Amino acid sequence: MCIKQLSVSLENIPGKLSEVSECLGKEGVNIRAISVADTSDISTVRFIVDDPVKAVNVLKSYGYSPKETDVIAVETPDHPGGLNAVLKPLRAAQINVLYLYPFLGRVSDQAILIVGVDKIKEAQEVLQKNWVRVLGKEIYTL
């Protein structure tokens, strides 16, 4: 199952990320995973929240232009080399990993990664065939 990732572009100046966190927090939206990638002028903030529909509405009301993207949340073995349980099957299937970042918290004793790929449906099938647990609703309800 895919989950919704939100992303916003922010000016690369002090306090902008704090503003996003504050507006979501004021409205009761919890950030569950976050990644920030910067260039000289703009930062791209990608995040998973507990209520994506509400978060989109909140961000829009504060003047942001959130983008929604489907991503995969997967359990990853939490030991040296465990990441390859996810990466090797994707590589073998010629699926490109565009980015990944950790989920803040756990739903089991495993680490959880948020993975953006170029072929999401194929990636889900490949991972499930290789006994990698793909998560969905449980990410939002924690």
Protein backbone atom coordinates (compact mmCIF):
# COMPACT_ATOMS: atom_id res chain seq x y z
CA MET A 1 0.00 0.00 0.00
CA CYS A 2 1.27 3.48 -0.85
CA ILE A 3 1.28 6.26 1.67
CA LYS A 4 1.09 9.99 1.00
CA GLN A 5 4.18 12.11 1.28
CA LEU A 6 3.83 15.86 1.37
CA SER A 7 6.54 18.21 0.21
CA VAL A 8 6.97 21.95 0.25
CA SER A 9 9.65 24.23 -1.12
CA LEU A 10 10.98 26.76 1.36
CA GLU A 11 13.28 29.72 1.05
CA ASN A 12 16.64 28.77 2.46
CA ILE A 13 16.57 31.29 5.32
CA PRO A 14 16.53 30.89 9.12
CA GLY A 15 13.18 29.97 10.62
CA LYS A 16 11.29 28.73 7.56
CA LEU A 17 11.31 25.07 8.62
CA SER A 18 10.27 26.11 12.12
CA GLU A 19 7.28 27.97 10.63
CA VAL A 20 6.06 24.82 8.87
CA SER A 21 6.49 22.74 12.03
CA GLU A 22 4.68 25.37 14.08
CA CYS A 23 1.66 25.71 11.78
CA LEU A 24 1.20 21.93 11.62
CA GLY A 25 1.68 21.53 15.36
CA LYS A 26 -0.81 24.28 16.19
CA GLU A 27 -3.44 22.41 14.20
CA GLY A 28 -2.66 19.03 15.79
CA VAL A 29 -0.84 17.46 12.84
CA ASN A 30 2.05 15.19 13.86
CA ILE A 31 5.11 14.86 11.60
CA ARG A 32 6.08 11.16 11.54
CA ALA A 33 9.03 11.34 9.10
CA ILE A 34 10.93 14.24 7.57
CA SER A 35 13.72 14.91 5.09
CA VAL A 36 15.21 18.26 4.12
CA ALA A 37 17.32 18.69 0.97
CA ASP A 38 18.73 22.08 0.16
CA THR A 39 20.15 24.02 -2.74
CA SER A 40 21.62 27.49 -2.37
CA ASP A 41 18.24 29.26 -2.42
CA ILE A 42 15.49 26.67 -1.84
CA SER A 43 15.03 23.69 0.46
CA THR A 44 12.70 20.82 -0.36
CA VAL A 45 11.04 19.41 2.73
CA ARG A 46 9.46 15.97 2.38
CA PHE A 47 7.40 14.57 5.21
CA ILE A 48 4.89 11.99 6.31
CA VAL A 49 2.21 13.13 8.73
CA ASP A 50 -0.48 11.38 10.74
CA ASP A 51 -3.28 13.13 8.82
CA PRO A 52 -2.25 14.05 5.25
CA VAL A 53 -5.61 15.54 4.23
CA LYS A 54 -5.67 17.87 7.23
CA ALA A 55 -2.00 18.75 6.71
CA VAL A 56 -2.62 19.80 3.09
CA ASN A 57 -5.47 22.05 4.20
CA VAL A 58 -3.40 23.55 7.02
CA LEU A 59 -0.39 24.19 4.77
CA LYS A 60 -2.56 25.82 2.11
CA SER A 61 -4.23 28.03 4.72
CA TYR A 62 -0.78 29.26 5.76
CA GLY A 63 0.15 30.08 2.16
CA TYR A 64 2.25 27.02 1.31
CA SER A 65 1.80 24.96 -1.85
CA PRO A 66 2.12 21.34 -0.72
CA LYS A 67 2.73 18.61 -3.26
CA GLU A 68 1.43 15.08 -2.64
CA THR A 69 3.41 12.05 -3.78
CA ASP A 70 2.92 8.33 -3.25
CA VAL A 71 5.83 6.64 -1.48
CA ILE A 72 6.42 3.30 0.21
CA ALA A 73 7.05 2.72 3.91
CA VAL A 74 9.01 -0.48 4.51
CA GLU A 75 10.36 -2.33 7.49
CA THR A 76 14.12 -2.68 7.27
CA PRO A 77 16.21 -5.08 9.34
CA ASP A 78 17.95 -3.05 12.03
CA HIS A 79 21.46 -4.50 11.77
CA PRO A 80 24.57 -3.85 9.67
CA GLY A 81 23.72 -4.46 6.02
CA GLY A 82 19.98 -4.60 6.72
CA LEU A 83 19.27 -1.83 4.22
CA ASN A 84 20.18 -4.23 1.43
CA ALA A 85 17.07 -6.31 2.20
CA VAL A 86 15.24 -3.41 0.57
CA LEU A 87 17.79 -2.20 -1.98
CA LYS A 88 18.91 -5.50 -3.57
CA PRO A 89 15.46 -6.62 -4.76
CA LEU A 90 14.81 -3.15 -6.16
CA ARG A 91 18.14 -3.15 -7.98
CA ALA A 92 17.50 -6.61 -9.42
CA ALA A 93 14.13 -5.39 -10.75
CA GLN A 94 15.71 -2.27 -12.30
CA ILE A 95 13.74 0.04 -9.98
CA ASN A 96 15.47 3.32 -9.20
CA VAL A 97 15.48 4.59 -5.63
CA LEU A 98 15.06 8.35 -5.93
CA TYR A 99 15.42 9.04 -2.21
CA LEU A 100 14.83 7.50 1.19
CA TYR A 101 14.69 8.72 4.75
CA PRO A 102 13.89 7.24 8.17
CA PHE A 103 10.52 7.16 9.85
CA LEU A 104 10.50 8.69 13.34
CA GLY A 105 9.37 5.87 15.60
CA ARG A 106 8.55 2.22 15.12
CA VAL A 107 5.58 -0.02 14.55
CA SER A 108 7.64 -3.10 15.39
CA ASP A 109 11.21 -3.88 16.43
CA GLN A 110 12.41 -3.09 12.88
CA ALA A 111 13.61 0.21 11.46
CA ILE A 112 11.22 1.86 9.02
CA LEU A 113 12.20 3.70 5.86
CA ILE A 114 10.23 5.95 3.57
CA VAL A 115 11.26 5.17 0.00
CA GLY A 116 10.58 7.15 -3.17
CA VAL A 117 11.01 5.11 -6.34
CA ASP A 118 10.43 5.54 -10.06
CA LYS A 119 8.04 2.53 -10.33
CA ILE A 120 5.98 2.36 -7.17
CA LYS A 121 3.58 -0.52 -7.97
CA GLU A 122 6.41 -2.72 -9.21
CA ALA A 123 8.49 -1.84 -6.15
CA GLN A 124 5.70 -2.90 -3.80
CA GLU A 125 5.31 -6.23 -5.59
CA VAL A 126 9.06 -6.91 -5.65
CA LEU A 127 9.52 -6.08 -1.99
CA GLN A 128 6.58 -8.19 -0.86
CA LYS A 129 7.87 -11.15 -2.92
CA ASN A 130 11.17 -10.78 -1.08
CA TRP A 131 9.50 -10.84 2.36
CA VAL A 132 9.92 -7.12 2.98
CA ARG A 133 6.92 -5.77 4.89
CA VAL A 134 5.35 -2.79 3.13
CA LEU A 135 3.39 -0.64 5.58
CA GLY A 136 0.35 1.54 5.06
CA LYS A 137 -2.39 2.72 7.41
CA GLU A 138 -0.41 1.81 10.51
CA ILE A 139 2.02 4.61 9.70
CA TYR A 140 -0.71 7.23 9.87
CA THR A 141 -2.44 5.89 12.98
CA LEU A 142 0.54 5.72 15.33
